[in-house]
N, C-alpha and C. Protein backbone atom coordinates (compact mmCIF):
# COMPACT_ATOMS: atom_id res chain seq x y z
N MET A 1 96.13 121.02 81.17
CA MET A 1 96.07 119.80 81.29
C MET A 1 95.70 118.91 82.46
N ILE A 2 94.88 118.01 82.22
CA ILE A 2 94.18 117.61 83.32
C ILE A 2 94.80 116.04 83.28
N THR A 3 95.14 115.32 84.75
CA THR A 3 96.36 114.90 84.73
C THR A 3 95.31 113.28 85.01
N ILE A 4 95.07 112.34 84.41
CA ILE A 4 93.99 110.75 84.76
C ILE A 4 95.25 109.92 85.44
N THR A 5 94.80 109.77 86.45
CA THR A 5 95.59 108.71 87.14
C THR A 5 94.91 107.34 87.20
N PRO A 6 95.64 106.06 87.24
CA PRO A 6 95.15 104.86 87.26
C PRO A 6 93.72 104.54 88.10
N LYS A 7 94.27 104.95 89.18
CA LYS A 7 92.99 105.05 90.40
C LYS A 7 91.94 106.05 90.43
N ASP A 8 91.97 107.34 88.95
CA ASP A 8 90.89 108.18 88.61
C ASP A 8 90.11 107.10 87.55
N ALA A 9 91.13 106.11 86.50
CA ALA A 9 90.29 105.75 85.95
C ALA A 9 89.84 104.59 86.59
N LEU A 10 90.33 103.34 87.33
CA LEU A 10 89.68 102.57 88.20
C LEU A 10 87.86 103.33 88.75
N LYS A 11 88.24 104.05 89.17
CA LYS A 11 87.00 104.69 90.00
C LYS A 11 86.04 104.68 89.48
N ALA A 12 85.80 104.92 88.22
CA ALA A 12 85.03 105.17 87.23
C ALA A 12 83.92 103.90 86.74
N GLU A 13 84.76 102.81 87.13
CA GLU A 13 84.38 101.32 87.27
C GLU A 13 82.64 101.24 87.94
N THR A 14 82.17 100.46 87.54
CA THR A 14 81.02 100.19 88.26
C THR A 14 80.94 98.49 88.67
N LEU A 15 81.04 98.61 89.88
CA LEU A 15 81.07 96.56 90.63
C LEU A 15 79.76 96.12 90.99
N PRO A 16 79.35 95.09 90.13
CA PRO A 16 78.11 94.63 90.32
C PRO A 16 77.95 94.55 92.06
N PRO A 17 76.85 94.24 92.36
CA PRO A 17 76.32 93.97 93.90
C PRO A 17 77.39 92.58 94.28
N GLY A 18 77.33 92.92 95.55
CA GLY A 18 77.82 91.41 96.15
C GLY A 18 79.00 91.85 96.78
N TRP A 19 79.51 90.85 97.45
CA TRP A 19 80.49 91.00 98.60
C TRP A 19 81.90 91.13 97.11
N GLN A 20 82.71 91.95 98.31
CA GLN A 20 84.58 91.91 97.71
C GLN A 20 85.21 91.75 98.70
N ASN A 21 86.24 91.28 98.25
CA ASN A 21 87.44 90.94 99.12
C ASN A 21 88.69 92.87 99.19
N CYS A 22 87.90 93.31 100.44
CA CYS A 22 89.12 94.66 99.72
C CYS A 22 89.70 94.82 101.10
N GLU A 23 90.75 95.68 101.01
CA GLU A 23 91.89 96.26 102.26
C GLU A 23 91.27 98.26 102.33
N VAL A 24 91.19 98.11 103.58
CA VAL A 24 91.26 99.61 103.88
C VAL A 24 92.53 100.33 103.69
N GLU A 25 92.92 101.05 102.81
CA GLU A 25 93.77 101.92 102.48
C GLU A 25 94.54 103.08 103.32
N ASN A 26 93.33 103.94 103.72
CA ASN A 26 93.93 105.08 104.28
C ASN A 26 92.68 105.79 104.95
N HIS A 27 92.87 106.58 105.95
CA HIS A 27 91.92 107.08 106.98
C HIS A 27 92.44 108.75 106.76
N TYR A 28 91.36 109.41 106.89
CA TYR A 28 91.20 111.12 107.61
C TYR A 28 90.39 111.86 107.95
N THR A 29 90.42 112.76 108.19
CA THR A 29 89.53 113.62 108.69
C THR A 29 89.10 114.52 108.39
N LYS A 30 88.08 115.29 108.11
CA LYS A 30 87.44 116.98 107.90
C LYS A 30 86.68 116.95 109.02
N PRO A 31 86.34 118.45 109.25
CA PRO A 31 85.44 119.05 109.99
C PRO A 31 83.97 119.18 108.99
N ALA A 32 83.25 118.75 109.84
CA ALA A 32 81.74 118.61 109.11
C ALA A 32 81.63 120.21 108.92
N SER A 33 80.73 120.60 107.39
CA SER A 33 80.30 121.79 107.59
C SER A 33 79.33 122.32 108.48
N GLY A 34 79.58 123.50 108.79
CA GLY A 34 78.10 123.84 109.57
C GLY A 34 78.75 123.84 110.85
N ASP A 35 78.58 122.81 111.95
CA ASP A 35 79.01 122.59 113.21
C ASP A 35 80.09 122.58 113.46
N GLY A 36 81.41 121.86 112.44
CA GLY A 36 82.51 121.56 112.83
C GLY A 36 83.06 120.38 113.47
N SER A 37 81.99 119.65 113.91
CA SER A 37 82.34 118.16 114.21
C SER A 37 82.48 117.45 113.33
N THR A 38 83.66 116.04 113.82
CA THR A 38 84.71 115.42 112.83
C THR A 38 84.18 114.58 112.14
N VAL A 39 84.08 114.08 111.25
CA VAL A 39 84.13 113.29 109.86
C VAL A 39 85.14 112.88 109.52
N HIS A 40 84.90 110.83 110.06
CA HIS A 40 86.05 110.04 109.53
C HIS A 40 86.00 109.65 107.97
N TYR A 41 86.93 109.76 107.23
CA TYR A 41 86.67 109.18 105.96
C TYR A 41 87.99 107.93 105.45
N TYR A 42 87.34 106.80 105.65
CA TYR A 42 88.54 105.44 105.14
C TYR A 42 88.17 105.07 103.39
N GLU A 43 89.39 104.99 103.24
CA GLU A 43 89.06 104.67 101.90
C GLU A 43 89.56 103.14 101.69
N ILE A 44 88.43 102.66 101.01
CA ILE A 44 88.73 100.96 100.78
C ILE A 44 88.90 100.31 99.32
N THR A 45 89.61 99.43 98.99
CA THR A 45 89.50 99.17 97.01
C THR A 45 89.82 97.69 97.31
N VAL A 46 89.04 96.97 96.31
CA VAL A 46 89.18 95.69 96.14
C VAL A 46 90.27 95.33 95.77
N ILE A 47 90.74 94.15 96.35
CA ILE A 47 92.03 93.77 96.45
C ILE A 47 92.52 92.62 95.39
N ASP A 48 91.12 92.07 95.03
CA ASP A 48 91.68 90.58 93.98
C ASP A 48 90.69 90.60 92.77
N GLY A 49 90.28 89.65 92.10
CA GLY A 49 89.48 89.25 91.40
C GLY A 49 89.56 89.95 89.97
N GLN A 50 88.33 90.07 89.10
CA GLN A 50 88.18 90.86 88.26
C GLN A 50 88.21 92.57 88.60
N PHE A 51 87.93 92.81 89.59
CA PHE A 51 88.17 94.27 89.96
C PHE A 51 88.89 94.78 90.83
N ALA A 52 90.46 94.24 90.90
CA ALA A 52 91.21 94.18 91.50
C ALA A 52 91.42 95.70 91.70
N GLY A 53 91.65 96.49 92.50
CA GLY A 53 92.50 98.00 92.35
C GLY A 53 91.36 99.21 92.16
N VAL A 54 89.87 98.87 91.90
CA VAL A 54 89.11 99.44 92.34
C VAL A 54 88.52 99.95 93.47
N PRO A 55 88.84 101.31 93.57
CA PRO A 55 88.33 101.60 95.02
C PRO A 55 86.51 102.34 94.89
N LEU A 56 86.75 102.14 96.36
CA LEU A 56 85.09 102.44 96.41
C LEU A 56 84.70 103.75 96.83
N ASN A 57 83.59 104.09 97.10
CA ASN A 57 83.17 105.39 97.45
C ASN A 57 83.59 105.65 99.33
N GLU A 58 84.30 106.31 99.42
CA GLU A 58 84.97 106.69 100.73
C GLU A 58 83.78 106.41 101.53
N LEU A 59 84.37 105.40 102.55
CA LEU A 59 82.84 105.33 103.81
C LEU A 59 83.05 106.32 104.65
N THR A 60 81.93 107.05 105.18
CA THR A 60 81.67 108.74 105.66
C THR A 60 81.45 108.12 106.83
N ILE A 61 81.86 108.15 108.63
CA ILE A 61 80.93 107.91 109.56
C ILE A 61 81.89 109.25 110.43
N SER A 62 80.46 109.82 110.62
CA SER A 62 80.60 111.23 111.57
C SER A 62 80.32 111.20 112.94
N GLU A 63 81.48 111.92 113.94
CA GLU A 63 81.00 111.51 115.19
C GLU A 63 80.00 111.95 116.02
N LYS A 64 78.87 112.28 114.86
CA LYS A 64 77.51 112.49 115.42
C LYS A 64 76.64 111.34 115.27
N ALA A 65 77.38 110.60 114.41
CA ALA A 65 76.56 108.66 114.09
C ALA A 65 77.56 107.84 113.96
N ILE A 66 78.45 107.57 115.33
CA ILE A 66 79.19 106.81 115.13
C ILE A 66 79.05 105.59 115.12
N GLY A 67 77.49 105.12 115.50
CA GLY A 67 76.97 103.68 115.56
C GLY A 67 76.48 103.09 113.93
N MET A 68 76.30 104.05 112.99
CA MET A 68 76.69 103.75 111.44
C MET A 68 77.58 102.57 111.69
N GLY A 69 78.82 102.89 112.18
CA GLY A 69 80.05 102.17 111.89
C GLY A 69 80.39 101.46 112.59
N LYS A 70 79.32 100.93 113.03
CA LYS A 70 79.57 99.48 114.24
C LYS A 70 79.93 98.10 113.16
N ASN A 71 79.47 97.90 112.22
CA ASN A 71 79.95 96.41 111.49
C ASN A 71 80.93 96.70 110.65
N PHE A 72 81.65 97.99 110.54
CA PHE A 72 82.90 98.38 110.10
C PHE A 72 83.79 98.19 111.06
N PHE A 73 83.77 98.81 112.21
CA PHE A 73 84.68 98.72 113.44
C PHE A 73 84.48 96.99 114.03
N LEU A 74 84.02 96.56 113.47
CA LEU A 74 83.88 95.00 114.24
C LEU A 74 84.83 94.20 113.32
N ALA A 75 84.41 94.76 112.18
CA ALA A 75 85.15 93.64 110.59
C ALA A 75 86.67 94.02 111.02
N CYS A 76 86.97 94.87 111.33
CA CYS A 76 88.30 95.69 111.51
C CYS A 76 88.79 95.33 112.99
N GLY A 77 88.36 94.29 113.71
CA GLY A 77 88.75 94.18 114.89
C GLY A 77 88.37 94.72 116.05
N MET A 78 87.57 95.42 115.99
CA MET A 78 87.25 95.97 117.95
C MET A 78 86.47 94.92 118.54
N PRO A 79 86.84 94.14 119.37
CA PRO A 79 85.71 92.98 119.82
C PRO A 79 84.67 93.95 120.09
N GLN A 80 83.47 92.38 120.08
CA GLN A 80 82.17 92.70 120.32
C GLN A 80 81.93 93.40 121.61
N SER A 81 82.70 92.63 122.83
CA SER A 81 82.75 93.25 124.54
C SER A 81 82.90 94.48 124.21
N LEU A 82 83.76 95.30 123.88
CA LEU A 82 83.82 96.89 124.10
C LEU A 82 82.81 97.23 123.14
N TRP A 83 81.93 96.65 122.19
CA TRP A 83 81.18 97.53 121.52
C TRP A 83 80.43 97.45 122.74
N ASP A 84 79.87 96.30 123.15
CA ASP A 84 79.09 95.88 124.56
C ASP A 84 78.72 96.83 125.50
N LYS A 85 80.32 97.28 126.19
CA LYS A 85 80.39 98.25 126.81
C LYS A 85 79.63 99.43 126.68
N ALA A 86 79.64 100.18 125.54
CA ALA A 86 79.67 101.25 124.93
C ALA A 86 77.84 100.92 125.13
N LYS A 87 77.38 99.51 124.70
CA LYS A 87 75.72 100.13 124.14
C LYS A 87 75.32 99.94 125.97
N LYS A 88 75.95 99.44 127.14
CA LYS A 88 75.63 99.61 128.26
C LYS A 88 76.10 100.80 128.80
N GLY A 89 76.09 101.87 128.06
CA GLY A 89 76.56 102.96 128.95
C GLY A 89 78.07 103.47 129.27
N GLU A 90 78.90 102.79 128.98
CA GLU A 90 80.40 103.22 128.92
C GLU A 90 81.03 103.58 127.82
N ALA A 91 82.09 104.80 128.04
CA ALA A 91 82.32 105.14 126.58
C ALA A 91 83.27 104.63 126.95
N VAL A 92 83.91 104.13 125.60
CA VAL A 92 84.82 102.81 125.11
C VAL A 92 85.86 103.90 124.12
N GLN A 93 86.96 103.61 124.16
CA GLN A 93 87.77 103.89 122.83
C GLN A 93 88.41 103.17 121.82
N PHE A 94 88.31 103.51 120.70
CA PHE A 94 88.83 102.99 119.46
C PHE A 94 89.67 103.63 118.77
N ASP A 95 90.52 103.20 118.16
CA ASP A 95 91.69 104.00 117.91
C ASP A 95 91.31 103.82 116.25
N GLU A 96 91.17 105.04 115.61
CA GLU A 96 90.47 105.39 114.25
C GLU A 96 91.50 105.17 113.22
N LYS A 97 92.72 104.54 113.11
CA LYS A 97 93.83 104.31 112.34
C LYS A 97 93.77 102.65 112.67
N LEU A 98 93.03 102.18 113.37
CA LEU A 98 93.29 100.40 113.47
C LEU A 98 92.70 99.88 112.16
N PRO A 99 91.59 100.22 111.35
CA PRO A 99 91.14 99.53 110.27
C PRO A 99 92.49 99.74 108.89
N VAL A 100 93.02 100.52 109.43
CA VAL A 100 94.26 100.86 107.97
C VAL A 100 95.10 99.76 107.57
N GLY A 101 94.80 98.81 106.86
CA GLY A 101 95.41 98.04 106.30
C GLY A 101 94.94 96.57 106.40
N LYS A 102 93.81 96.95 107.02
CA LYS A 102 92.54 95.50 107.25
C LYS A 102 92.04 95.16 105.68
N LYS A 103 92.41 93.69 105.78
CA LYS A 103 91.38 93.06 104.74
C LYS A 103 90.16 92.70 105.30
N LEU A 104 89.08 93.18 104.66
CA LEU A 104 87.71 92.22 105.09
C LEU A 104 86.79 92.66 103.74
N LYS A 105 85.45 91.82 104.16
CA LYS A 105 84.23 91.57 102.99
C LYS A 105 83.92 92.86 102.92
N VAL A 106 83.68 93.23 101.88
CA VAL A 106 82.51 94.18 101.97
C VAL A 106 81.30 93.95 100.71
N MET A 107 80.40 94.64 101.54
CA MET A 107 79.51 94.32 100.74
C MET A 107 79.02 95.47 99.64
N VAL A 108 79.36 95.45 98.38
CA VAL A 108 79.07 96.87 97.40
C VAL A 108 77.57 96.96 97.16
N LYS A 109 77.05 98.04 97.30
CA LYS A 109 75.91 98.22 96.94
C LYS A 109 75.81 99.63 95.44
N PRO A 110 75.81 99.06 94.54
CA PRO A 110 75.83 100.66 93.85
C PRO A 110 74.66 101.08 93.68
N GLU A 111 75.09 102.62 94.06
CA GLU A 111 73.73 103.60 94.30
C GLU A 111 74.00 104.67 93.13
N PRO A 112 72.63 104.91 92.24
CA PRO A 112 73.21 106.40 91.69
C PRO A 112 73.13 107.57 92.51
N PHE A 113 74.08 108.46 92.07
CA PHE A 113 74.19 109.17 92.69
C PHE A 113 74.71 110.90 91.61
N GLY A 114 74.14 112.20 91.43
CA GLY A 114 74.43 112.69 90.31
C GLY A 114 74.41 112.58 89.02
N GLY A 115 73.66 111.55 88.50
CA GLY A 115 74.16 111.21 87.14
C GLY A 115 75.35 110.44 86.79
N ARG A 116 75.29 109.37 88.02
CA ARG A 116 76.48 108.33 87.69
C ARG A 116 76.29 107.48 88.99
N ILE A 117 76.85 106.26 89.07
CA ILE A 117 76.90 105.05 89.97
C ILE A 117 78.09 105.15 90.72
N LEU A 118 77.87 105.15 92.16
CA LEU A 118 78.32 105.48 93.15
C LEU A 118 79.29 103.83 93.72
N ASN A 119 80.17 102.71 94.33
CA ASN A 119 80.30 101.86 94.45
C ASN A 119 80.47 101.95 96.01
N LYS A 120 79.42 102.03 96.79
CA LYS A 120 78.95 102.69 98.32
C LYS A 120 79.44 100.84 98.92
N ALA A 121 80.29 101.19 99.93
CA ALA A 121 79.94 99.93 100.88
C ALA A 121 78.72 99.90 101.70
N SER A 122 78.50 99.00 101.73
CA SER A 122 76.94 98.37 102.55
C SER A 122 76.99 98.09 103.99
N ASP A 123 77.95 96.51 103.92
CA ASP A 123 78.27 95.63 105.22
C ASP A 123 79.53 95.51 105.30
N PHE A 124 79.76 94.82 106.35
CA PHE A 124 81.39 94.30 106.68
C PHE A 124 81.42 93.08 107.30
N MET A 125 82.40 92.39 107.03
CA MET A 125 82.74 91.36 107.71
C MET A 125 84.05 90.88 107.56
N PRO A 126 84.76 90.54 108.80
CA PRO A 126 86.43 90.15 108.86
C PRO A 126 86.86 88.89 107.97
N MET A 127 87.44 88.91 107.34
CA MET A 127 87.51 87.95 105.81
C MET A 127 87.50 86.38 106.74
N GLU A 128 88.06 86.12 107.78
CA GLU A 128 88.10 85.08 108.68
C GLU A 128 86.41 84.28 108.19
N SER A 129 85.97 85.48 108.80
CA SER A 129 84.39 84.92 109.19
C SER A 129 83.72 84.63 108.10
N ALA A 130 84.50 85.12 106.58
CA ALA A 130 83.53 84.76 105.68
C ALA A 130 84.01 83.39 104.88
N GLY A 131 84.98 82.53 105.38
CA GLY A 131 85.81 81.41 105.46
C GLY A 131 87.10 81.73 104.08
N PHE A 132 87.53 82.71 104.34
CA PHE A 132 88.95 83.52 103.49
C PHE A 132 89.92 82.74 104.22
N VAL A 133 90.68 82.08 103.67
CA VAL A 133 92.17 81.29 104.17
C VAL A 133 93.33 82.35 103.98
N LYS A 134 93.96 83.10 104.89
CA LYS A 134 95.02 83.67 104.87
C LYS A 134 96.32 82.71 104.22
N PRO A 135 96.77 83.16 103.18
CA PRO A 135 97.72 82.48 102.61
C PRO A 135 98.77 82.19 103.35
């Protein structure tokens, strides 16, 4: 017997390209195959409108390419000044769990993969900078 959860069914929905209001729901890590470096995964879900509840493809950030997560980290509350310190050569710390529970604007870019469409996150910004007013 195969169990299909509501999340499974919603993951099959194809989102149109564009900005969506989302929430970071979970974070977990796994070792990368081959070298054992850490890979961070963030589960992000649309929170309102016609596509409320649709999960995006997990955001993947490798410890070997942390810079790829810059806009995500900043949208989730990392101060720009902290990022700037890192750019100037100072190692800084960022709590990988801080994004969990954050609401943010996510640019969804549907991409074909293996004969299906993945709802990929391609950019991020804080809700406040997008004109979102908290209730």
